[in-house]
Amino acid sequence: MTTSVNKPPIWFWVISVLALAWNSTGVHGYISQAYKTSAFTDAYTADQIDVMTNLPAWYTALFAIAVFTGVVGCLFLLLRKKNARLLLTISFVSATAQMVYFLFIADLKGIDFSANQIMAYVIIAFALFLVWFANYSTKKEWLR
């Protein structure tokens, strides 16, 4: 007979669902930017759009890797799978590299991306939190 000693608390589920919603908005942002939807173009000035549409291909690839591995990692949290750790770590590394480059290029171009720059730090912090959360959940044996 098995016991449910390693059953995660309710806050595990709340964080996991919020993390999935967060990363899903990242997927929306990626799709909007990649396909230059009106949600993307309406949010920026012409100079900002020029900078963002001329970013290198590897930047766009990092964006895709960060958001899609983040979503799958969060799904794995909800499924209580240990692979969430690996996927959320990949997401963190990709997002950090992407955001550091963005902060550098925004500063270099001298175009005001102040709201986006603040968001870049938030993205890095949240991605790091999710790596910690997945590691903590694994140590608590909530993930198998």
N, C-alpha and C. Protein backbone atom coordinates (compact mmCIF):
# COMPACT_ATOMS: atom_id res chain seq x y z
N MET A 1 0.83 -1.17 0.00
CA MET A 1 0.00 0.00 0.00
C MET A 1 0.89 1.25 0.00
N THR A 2 0.60 2.19 -0.86
CA THR A 2 1.38 3.42 -0.93
C THR A 2 0.71 4.52 -0.14
N THR A 3 1.54 5.44 0.33
CA THR A 3 1.00 6.58 1.06
C THR A 3 1.15 7.83 0.22
N SER A 4 0.41 8.85 0.58
CA SER A 4 0.49 10.11 -0.15
C SER A 4 1.30 11.13 0.63
N VAL A 5 2.39 10.66 1.28
CA VAL A 5 3.24 11.53 2.08
C VAL A 5 3.83 12.64 1.21
N ASN A 6 4.12 12.35 -0.04
CA ASN A 6 4.76 13.31 -0.93
C ASN A 6 3.77 14.08 -1.78
N LYS A 7 2.58 14.20 -1.28
CA LYS A 7 1.56 14.97 -1.99
C LYS A 7 1.89 16.46 -1.84
N PRO A 8 1.99 17.19 -2.96
CA PRO A 8 2.32 18.61 -2.86
C PRO A 8 1.20 19.41 -2.22
N PRO A 9 1.57 20.49 -1.52
CA PRO A 9 0.55 21.36 -0.93
C PRO A 9 -0.17 22.16 -2.01
N ILE A 10 -1.24 22.80 -1.64
CA ILE A 10 -2.05 23.56 -2.59
C ILE A 10 -1.24 24.68 -3.24
N TRP A 11 -0.31 25.29 -2.51
CA TRP A 11 0.47 26.38 -3.08
C TRP A 11 1.37 25.91 -4.21
N PHE A 12 1.76 24.63 -4.21
CA PHE A 12 2.52 24.07 -5.34
C PHE A 12 1.69 24.17 -6.62
N TRP A 13 0.42 23.82 -6.52
CA TRP A 13 -0.48 23.85 -7.68
C TRP A 13 -0.74 25.29 -8.12
N VAL A 14 -0.91 26.18 -7.17
CA VAL A 14 -1.15 27.59 -7.49
C VAL A 14 0.05 28.16 -8.23
N ILE A 15 1.25 27.93 -7.71
CA ILE A 15 2.46 28.43 -8.37
C ILE A 15 2.61 27.82 -9.75
N SER A 16 2.38 26.52 -9.87
CA SER A 16 2.52 25.84 -11.15
C SER A 16 1.56 26.38 -12.21
N VAL A 17 0.33 26.62 -11.81
CA VAL A 17 -0.67 27.17 -12.74
C VAL A 17 -0.30 28.60 -13.14
N LEU A 18 0.09 29.42 -12.15
CA LEU A 18 0.50 30.79 -12.46
C LEU A 18 1.74 30.80 -13.37
N ALA A 19 2.66 29.88 -13.12
CA ALA A 19 3.86 29.79 -13.96
C ALA A 19 3.50 29.39 -15.39
N LEU A 20 2.54 28.49 -15.54
CA LEU A 20 2.09 28.11 -16.88
C LEU A 20 1.44 29.30 -17.58
N ALA A 21 0.63 30.04 -16.86
CA ALA A 21 -0.01 31.23 -17.45
C ALA A 21 1.07 32.25 -17.86
N TRP A 22 2.04 32.47 -17.00
CA TRP A 22 3.14 33.40 -17.29
C TRP A 22 3.88 32.99 -18.57
N ASN A 23 4.26 31.73 -18.64
CA ASN A 23 5.00 31.26 -19.82
C ASN A 23 4.12 31.24 -21.06
N SER A 24 2.83 31.04 -20.88
CA SER A 24 1.92 31.09 -22.04
C SER A 24 1.85 32.50 -22.61
N THR A 25 1.92 33.52 -21.75
CA THR A 25 1.97 34.89 -22.27
C THR A 25 3.27 35.11 -23.04
N GLY A 26 4.34 34.43 -22.63
CA GLY A 26 5.59 34.50 -23.37
C GLY A 26 5.46 33.90 -24.76
N VAL A 27 4.72 32.80 -24.87
CA VAL A 27 4.46 32.20 -26.19
C VAL A 27 3.68 33.18 -27.05
N HIS A 28 2.69 33.83 -26.46
CA HIS A 28 1.92 34.83 -27.20
C HIS A 28 2.84 35.95 -27.69
N GLY A 29 3.73 36.40 -26.81
CA GLY A 29 4.67 37.46 -27.19
C GLY A 29 5.59 37.02 -28.31
N TYR A 30 6.06 35.78 -28.23
CA TYR A 30 6.92 35.26 -29.30
C TYR A 30 6.18 35.21 -30.63
N ILE A 31 4.99 34.67 -30.62
CA ILE A 31 4.20 34.55 -31.86
C ILE A 31 3.89 35.94 -32.41
N SER A 32 3.52 36.86 -31.53
CA SER A 32 3.24 38.24 -31.98
C SER A 32 4.45 38.88 -32.62
N GLN A 33 5.62 38.68 -32.02
CA GLN A 33 6.84 39.27 -32.58
C GLN A 33 7.28 38.55 -33.84
N ALA A 34 7.23 37.23 -33.84
CA ALA A 34 7.69 36.47 -35.00
C ALA A 34 6.82 36.74 -36.24
N TYR A 35 5.53 36.91 -36.02
CA TYR A 35 4.61 37.13 -37.14
C TYR A 35 4.20 38.59 -37.29
N LYS A 36 4.82 39.45 -36.47
CA LYS A 36 4.57 40.90 -36.53
C LYS A 36 3.08 41.22 -36.55
N THR A 37 2.37 40.67 -35.59
CA THR A 37 0.93 40.90 -35.50
C THR A 37 0.66 42.34 -35.05
N SER A 38 -0.58 42.74 -35.15
CA SER A 38 -0.92 44.10 -34.73
C SER A 38 -0.70 44.28 -33.22
N ALA A 39 -0.85 43.22 -32.44
CA ALA A 39 -0.57 43.32 -31.00
C ALA A 39 0.89 43.70 -30.77
N PHE A 40 1.77 43.26 -31.64
CA PHE A 40 3.18 43.60 -31.55
C PHE A 40 3.45 45.00 -32.09
N THR A 41 3.01 45.27 -33.30
CA THR A 41 3.33 46.55 -33.94
C THR A 41 2.66 47.74 -33.27
N ASP A 42 1.49 47.54 -32.70
CA ASP A 42 0.79 48.64 -32.03
C ASP A 42 1.44 49.04 -30.70
N ALA A 43 2.26 48.14 -30.15
CA ALA A 43 2.84 48.39 -28.83
C ALA A 43 4.15 49.17 -28.88
N TYR A 44 4.70 49.39 -30.09
CA TYR A 44 6.02 50.02 -30.20
C TYR A 44 6.02 51.16 -31.21
N THR A 45 7.03 52.02 -31.06
CA THR A 45 7.26 53.09 -32.03
C THR A 45 7.94 52.49 -33.26
N ALA A 46 8.02 53.27 -34.31
CA ALA A 46 8.68 52.79 -35.53
C ALA A 46 10.15 52.46 -35.28
N ASP A 47 10.84 53.29 -34.49
CA ASP A 47 12.25 53.02 -34.17
C ASP A 47 12.41 51.74 -33.36
N GLN A 48 11.51 51.53 -32.41
CA GLN A 48 11.56 50.31 -31.60
C GLN A 48 11.31 49.08 -32.46
N ILE A 49 10.32 49.17 -33.35
CA ILE A 49 10.02 48.03 -34.23
C ILE A 49 11.21 47.75 -35.14
N ASP A 50 11.86 48.80 -35.63
CA ASP A 50 13.04 48.61 -36.48
C ASP A 50 14.12 47.82 -35.75
N VAL A 51 14.38 48.18 -34.50
CA VAL A 51 15.39 47.46 -33.72
C VAL A 51 14.95 46.01 -33.51
N MET A 52 13.70 45.81 -33.13
CA MET A 52 13.23 44.47 -32.79
C MET A 52 13.09 43.56 -34.01
N THR A 53 12.82 44.11 -35.16
CA THR A 53 12.71 43.26 -36.36
C THR A 53 14.07 42.95 -36.98
N ASN A 54 15.10 43.66 -36.54
CA ASN A 54 16.44 43.41 -37.07
C ASN A 54 17.34 42.70 -36.08
N LEU A 55 16.75 42.05 -35.11
CA LEU A 55 17.53 41.25 -34.17
C LEU A 55 18.04 39.99 -34.88
N PRO A 56 19.19 39.47 -34.46
CA PRO A 56 19.73 38.28 -35.14
C PRO A 56 18.84 37.04 -34.97
N ALA A 57 18.99 36.10 -35.89
CA ALA A 57 18.18 34.88 -35.86
C ALA A 57 18.37 34.09 -34.57
N TRP A 58 19.59 34.08 -34.04
CA TRP A 58 19.83 33.33 -32.81
C TRP A 58 19.03 33.92 -31.64
N TYR A 59 18.80 35.23 -31.67
CA TYR A 59 18.00 35.88 -30.63
C TYR A 59 16.56 35.36 -30.68
N THR A 60 16.02 35.30 -31.90
CA THR A 60 14.66 34.80 -32.07
C THR A 60 14.58 33.33 -31.67
N ALA A 61 15.63 32.57 -31.98
CA ALA A 61 15.67 31.16 -31.59
C ALA A 61 15.69 31.03 -30.06
N LEU A 62 16.49 31.85 -29.40
CA LEU A 62 16.52 31.82 -27.93
C LEU A 62 15.15 32.17 -27.34
N PHE A 63 14.49 33.13 -27.95
CA PHE A 63 13.14 33.53 -27.51
C PHE A 63 12.21 32.32 -27.59
N ALA A 64 12.23 31.64 -28.73
CA ALA A 64 11.37 30.46 -28.91
C ALA A 64 11.72 29.36 -27.91
N ILE A 65 13.00 29.08 -27.76
CA ILE A 65 13.43 28.04 -26.82
C ILE A 65 12.99 28.39 -25.40
N ALA A 66 13.20 29.64 -25.01
CA ALA A 66 12.86 30.07 -23.65
C ALA A 66 11.37 29.89 -23.36
N VAL A 67 10.52 30.35 -24.25
CA VAL A 67 9.08 30.31 -23.94
C VAL A 67 8.48 28.92 -24.11
N PHE A 68 8.90 28.19 -25.14
CA PHE A 68 8.30 26.86 -25.34
C PHE A 68 8.79 25.85 -24.33
N THR A 69 10.09 25.89 -23.97
CA THR A 69 10.56 24.97 -22.91
C THR A 69 9.96 25.39 -21.57
N GLY A 70 9.71 26.69 -21.39
CA GLY A 70 9.06 27.15 -20.17
C GLY A 70 7.65 26.60 -20.03
N VAL A 71 6.89 26.65 -21.13
CA VAL A 71 5.52 26.12 -21.10
C VAL A 71 5.53 24.62 -20.83
N VAL A 72 6.36 23.89 -21.55
CA VAL A 72 6.41 22.43 -21.35
C VAL A 72 6.92 22.11 -19.94
N GLY A 73 7.91 22.87 -19.47
CA GLY A 73 8.39 22.67 -18.10
C GLY A 73 7.30 22.87 -17.07
N CYS A 74 6.47 23.88 -17.28
CA CYS A 74 5.35 24.12 -16.35
C CYS A 74 4.29 23.03 -16.45
N LEU A 75 4.06 22.54 -17.65
CA LEU A 75 3.14 21.40 -17.80
C LEU A 75 3.69 20.20 -17.05
N PHE A 76 5.02 19.99 -17.13
CA PHE A 76 5.63 18.88 -16.39
C PHE A 76 5.53 19.09 -14.88
N LEU A 77 5.58 20.35 -14.42
CA LEU A 77 5.34 20.60 -13.00
C LEU A 77 3.94 20.11 -12.62
N LEU A 78 2.97 20.48 -13.44
CA LEU A 78 1.59 20.08 -13.16
C LEU A 78 1.39 18.57 -13.24
N LEU A 79 2.20 17.91 -14.08
CA LEU A 79 2.16 16.45 -14.18
C LEU A 79 3.07 15.78 -13.16
N ARG A 80 3.78 16.63 -12.37
CA ARG A 80 4.70 16.18 -11.33
C ARG A 80 5.83 15.31 -11.89
N LYS A 81 6.44 15.77 -12.98
CA LYS A 81 7.54 15.06 -13.62
C LYS A 81 8.86 15.78 -13.37
N LYS A 82 9.90 15.02 -13.05
CA LYS A 82 11.22 15.59 -12.76
C LYS A 82 11.82 16.33 -13.95
N ASN A 83 11.42 15.97 -15.15
CA ASN A 83 11.97 16.64 -16.34
C ASN A 83 11.66 18.13 -16.34
N ALA A 84 10.75 18.56 -15.49
CA ALA A 84 10.45 19.99 -15.36
C ALA A 84 11.72 20.76 -15.02
N ARG A 85 12.57 20.18 -14.17
CA ARG A 85 13.83 20.85 -13.78
C ARG A 85 14.70 21.16 -14.98
N LEU A 86 14.92 20.17 -15.82
CA LEU A 86 15.76 20.36 -17.00
C LEU A 86 15.16 21.40 -17.94
N LEU A 87 13.89 21.27 -18.22
CA LEU A 87 13.24 22.19 -19.15
C LEU A 87 13.22 23.62 -18.62
N LEU A 88 12.95 23.79 -17.34
CA LEU A 88 12.93 25.14 -16.77
C LEU A 88 14.34 25.72 -16.67
N THR A 89 15.34 24.88 -16.53
CA THR A 89 16.73 25.35 -16.56
C THR A 89 17.10 25.82 -17.96
N ILE A 90 16.72 25.07 -18.97
CA ILE A 90 16.96 25.47 -20.36
C ILE A 90 16.25 26.78 -20.65
N SER A 91 15.02 26.90 -20.18
CA SER A 91 14.25 28.12 -20.36
C SER A 91 14.95 29.30 -19.70
N PHE A 92 15.44 29.11 -18.48
CA PHE A 92 16.14 30.17 -17.76
C PHE A 92 17.40 30.61 -18.49
N VAL A 93 18.21 29.66 -18.92
CA VAL A 93 19.46 30.00 -19.61
C VAL A 93 19.17 30.74 -20.92
N SER A 94 18.19 30.25 -21.66
CA SER A 94 17.82 30.89 -22.92
C SER A 94 17.26 32.30 -22.70
N ALA A 95 16.37 32.42 -21.75
CA ALA A 95 15.76 33.73 -21.46
C ALA A 95 16.81 34.72 -20.96
N THR A 96 17.72 34.25 -20.13
CA THR A 96 18.75 35.14 -19.60
C THR A 96 19.66 35.63 -20.71
N ALA A 97 20.11 34.73 -21.57
CA ALA A 97 20.97 35.14 -22.69
C ALA A 97 20.22 36.12 -23.59
N GLN A 98 18.98 35.83 -23.87
CA GLN A 98 18.16 36.70 -24.72
C GLN A 98 17.98 38.07 -24.08
N MET A 99 17.63 38.11 -22.82
CA MET A 99 17.37 39.38 -22.14
C MET A 99 18.65 40.20 -21.95
N VAL A 100 19.77 39.56 -21.67
CA VAL A 100 21.04 40.29 -21.53
C VAL A 100 21.40 40.94 -22.86
N TYR A 101 21.22 40.21 -23.95
CA TYR A 101 21.49 40.80 -25.27
C TYR A 101 20.53 41.96 -25.53
N PHE A 102 19.27 41.76 -25.21
CA PHE A 102 18.28 42.83 -25.42
C PHE A 102 18.66 44.08 -24.64
N LEU A 103 19.05 43.91 -23.37
CA LEU A 103 19.45 45.06 -22.56
C LEU A 103 20.67 45.75 -23.16
N PHE A 104 21.60 44.97 -23.68
CA PHE A 104 22.80 45.53 -24.31
C PHE A 104 22.45 46.29 -25.58
N ILE A 105 21.64 45.69 -26.44
CA ILE A 105 21.31 46.30 -27.73
C ILE A 105 20.43 47.53 -27.53
N ALA A 106 19.53 47.48 -26.56
CA ALA A 106 18.68 48.65 -26.29
C ALA A 106 19.53 49.82 -25.83
N ASP A 107 20.52 49.55 -24.99
CA ASP A 107 21.41 50.59 -24.52
C ASP A 107 22.28 51.11 -25.66
N LEU A 108 22.76 50.21 -26.49
CA LEU A 108 23.63 50.57 -27.61
C LEU A 108 22.90 51.44 -28.64
N LYS A 109 21.66 51.11 -28.93
CA LYS A 109 20.88 51.84 -29.94
C LYS A 109 20.36 53.18 -29.41
N GLY A 110 20.33 53.34 -28.10
CA GLY A 110 19.87 54.59 -27.51
C GLY A 110 18.38 54.85 -27.70
N ILE A 111 17.61 53.79 -27.91
CA ILE A 111 16.17 53.93 -28.09
C ILE A 111 15.50 53.56 -26.77
N ASP A 112 14.50 54.32 -26.39
CA ASP A 112 13.84 54.11 -25.10
C ASP A 112 13.01 52.83 -25.10
N PHE A 113 13.50 51.85 -24.37
CA PHE A 113 12.79 50.60 -24.15
C PHE A 113 12.60 50.41 -22.65
N SER A 114 12.45 51.51 -21.90
CA SER A 114 12.48 51.44 -20.44
C SER A 114 11.50 50.43 -19.86
N ALA A 115 10.27 50.38 -20.33
CA ALA A 115 9.31 49.41 -19.81
C ALA A 115 9.77 47.99 -20.12
N ASN A 116 10.29 47.79 -21.33
CA ASN A 116 10.78 46.46 -21.71
C ASN A 116 12.03 46.08 -20.92
N GLN A 117 12.85 47.08 -20.59
CA GLN A 117 14.06 46.79 -19.83
C GLN A 117 13.70 46.33 -18.41
N ILE A 118 12.72 46.95 -17.82
CA ILE A 118 12.26 46.50 -16.50
C ILE A 118 11.71 45.08 -16.60
N MET A 119 10.94 44.83 -17.65
CA MET A 119 10.37 43.50 -17.85
C MET A 119 11.46 42.45 -18.06
N ALA A 120 12.57 42.84 -18.69
CA ALA A 120 13.67 41.90 -18.91
C ALA A 120 14.19 41.37 -17.57
N TYR A 121 14.33 42.25 -16.60
CA TYR A 121 14.79 41.82 -15.27
C TYR A 121 13.76 40.94 -14.58
N VAL A 122 12.49 41.26 -14.76
CA VAL A 122 11.41 40.46 -14.18
C VAL A 122 11.42 39.06 -14.79
N ILE A 123 11.61 38.97 -16.10
CA ILE A 123 11.64 37.68 -16.80
C ILE A 123 12.79 36.82 -16.27
N ILE A 124 13.97 37.42 -16.14
CA ILE A 124 15.12 36.66 -15.63
C ILE A 124 14.84 36.18 -14.20
N ALA A 125 14.32 37.05 -13.36
CA ALA A 125 14.06 36.69 -11.96
C ALA A 125 13.01 35.58 -11.86
N PHE A 126 11.95 35.68 -12.67
CA PHE A 126 10.90 34.66 -12.59
C PHE A 126 11.40 33.33 -13.12
N ALA A 127 12.19 33.36 -14.19
CA ALA A 127 12.75 32.12 -14.74
C ALA A 127 13.68 31.46 -13.71
N LEU A 128 14.47 32.27 -13.00
CA LEU A 128 15.34 31.74 -11.96
C LEU A 128 14.50 31.16 -10.82
N PHE A 129 13.45 31.85 -10.45
CA PHE A 129 12.56 31.33 -9.41
C PHE A 129 12.00 29.97 -9.81
N LEU A 130 11.60 29.81 -11.07
CA LEU A 130 11.03 28.53 -11.51
C LEU A 130 12.05 27.40 -11.45
N VAL A 131 13.32 27.71 -11.74
CA VAL A 131 14.38 26.70 -11.60
C VAL A 131 14.49 26.29 -10.13
N TRP A 132 14.53 27.29 -9.25
CA TRP A 132 14.60 26.99 -7.82
C TRP A 132 13.38 26.17 -7.39
N PHE A 133 12.20 26.58 -7.84
CA PHE A 133 10.96 25.91 -7.46
C PHE A 133 10.96 24.45 -7.91
N ALA A 134 11.42 24.19 -9.13
CA ALA A 134 11.48 22.81 -9.63
C ALA A 134 12.49 21.99 -8.81
N ASN A 135 13.62 22.59 -8.48
CA ASN A 135 14.61 21.89 -7.64
C ASN A 135 14.05 21.62 -6.25
N TYR A 136 13.41 22.60 -5.66
CA TYR A 136 12.80 22.44 -4.34
C TYR A 136 11.73 21.34 -4.38
N SER A 137 10.91 21.36 -5.42
CA SER A 137 9.84 20.36 -5.55
C SER A 137 10.42 18.96 -5.72
N THR A 138 11.55 18.87 -6.40
CA THR A 138 12.20 17.57 -6.57
C THR A 138 12.74 17.08 -5.23
N LYS A 139 13.37 17.98 -4.49
CA LYS A 139 13.92 17.60 -3.17
C LYS A 139 12.80 17.16 -2.21
N LYS A 140 11.66 17.79 -2.33
CA LYS A 140 10.50 17.42 -1.50
C LYS A 140 9.82 16.16 -2.02
N GLU A 141 10.31 15.66 -3.14
CA GLU A 141 9.77 14.46 -3.81
C GLU A 141 8.34 14.65 -4.28
N TRP A 142 8.01 15.88 -4.66
CA TRP A 142 6.71 16.15 -5.28
C TRP A 142 6.75 15.83 -6.76
N LEU A 143 7.95 15.81 -7.33
CA LEU A 143 8.14 15.45 -8.74
C LEU A 143 8.77 14.07 -8.79
N ARG A 144 8.31 13.27 -9.73
CA ARG A 144 8.85 11.91 -9.86
C ARG A 144 9.46 11.71 -11.22
